[in-house]
Amino acid sequence: MTCPPPTVDARKALDFLRTSGLVDLSVPLSRVVDQVSQLDDVAGYVLAWERYVLVVANQVADDDSAADN
């Protein structure tokens, strides 16, 4: 039996990304796109980014639930 993923507060996850220093949100997406030459590279980057955000969001949710207990 698998457990459903924890609910994620997107605002808390975004706040964590902004304050953690792990991600430079000041870099415009156009600069990232200009630095790659293939559309597949961009798609791969976007998929990797989405996965990273989900992992961070889940970590924030886990930390919040641990703090509540």
Protein backbone atom coordinates (compact mmCIF):
# COMPACT_ATOMS: atom_id res chain seq x y z
CA MET A 1 0.00 0.00 0.00
CA THR A 2 1.41 3.36 -0.98
CA CYS A 3 0.87 6.58 0.89
CA PRO A 4 -0.29 9.66 -0.97
CA PRO A 5 2.26 12.44 -1.22
CA PRO A 6 2.00 15.10 1.46
CA THR A 7 0.08 18.24 0.65
CA VAL A 8 2.35 21.07 -0.36
CA ASP A 9 1.87 24.74 0.38
CA ALA A 10 3.24 26.32 -2.80
CA ARG A 11 3.80 29.66 -1.09
CA LYS A 12 5.95 28.09 1.61
CA ALA A 13 7.89 26.14 -1.00
CA LEU A 14 8.54 29.25 -3.08
CA ASP A 15 9.49 31.22 0.02
CA PHE A 16 11.95 28.46 0.92
CA LEU A 17 13.50 28.60 -2.56
CA ARG A 18 13.83 32.37 -2.37
CA THR A 19 15.41 32.44 1.08
CA SER A 20 17.57 29.32 0.85
CA GLY A 21 20.02 30.71 -1.67
CA LEU A 22 19.95 27.38 -3.53
CA VAL A 23 18.41 28.93 -6.61
CA ASP A 24 19.28 32.23 -8.26
CA LEU A 25 15.83 33.51 -9.17
CA SER A 26 17.28 36.72 -10.61
CA VAL A 27 18.48 34.93 -13.75
CA PRO A 28 15.90 35.52 -16.49
CA LEU A 29 14.56 32.47 -18.27
CA SER A 30 15.60 33.96 -21.62
CA ARG A 31 19.23 33.87 -20.49
CA VAL A 32 18.91 30.21 -19.55
CA VAL A 33 17.28 29.42 -22.91
CA ASP A 34 19.95 31.37 -24.83
CA GLN A 35 22.66 29.29 -23.20
CA VAL A 36 21.36 26.01 -24.57
CA SER A 37 21.32 25.10 -28.22
CA GLN A 38 18.72 22.35 -28.37
CA LEU A 39 15.04 22.39 -27.48
CA ASP A 40 15.53 18.97 -25.88
CA ASP A 41 18.06 20.50 -23.51
CA VAL A 42 15.52 23.12 -22.47
CA ALA A 43 12.83 20.49 -21.97
CA GLY A 44 15.21 18.39 -19.90
CA TYR A 45 16.13 21.41 -17.81
CA VAL A 46 12.47 22.25 -17.20
CA LEU A 47 11.69 18.66 -16.18
CA ALA A 48 14.68 18.59 -13.85
CA TRP A 49 13.63 21.95 -12.37
CA GLU A 50 10.07 20.71 -11.78
CA ARG A 51 11.39 17.61 -10.05
CA TYR A 52 13.73 19.71 -7.91
CA VAL A 53 10.88 22.03 -6.89
CA LEU A 54 8.72 19.05 -5.96
CA VAL A 55 11.52 17.54 -3.87
CA VAL A 56 12.08 20.84 -2.08
CA ALA A 57 8.35 21.34 -1.57
CA ASN A 58 8.04 17.86 -0.10
CA GLN A 59 10.99 18.55 2.20
CA VAL A 60 9.34 21.77 3.39
CA ALA A 61 6.10 19.89 3.99
CA ASP A 62 7.98 17.19 5.93
CA ASP A 63 9.76 19.83 8.00
CA ASP A 64 6.46 21.57 8.74
CA SER A 65 4.78 18.33 9.77
CA ALA A 66 7.75 17.42 11.97
CA ALA A 67 7.64 20.84 13.59
CA ASP A 68 3.91 20.45 14.25
CA ASN A 69 4.50 17.18 16.11
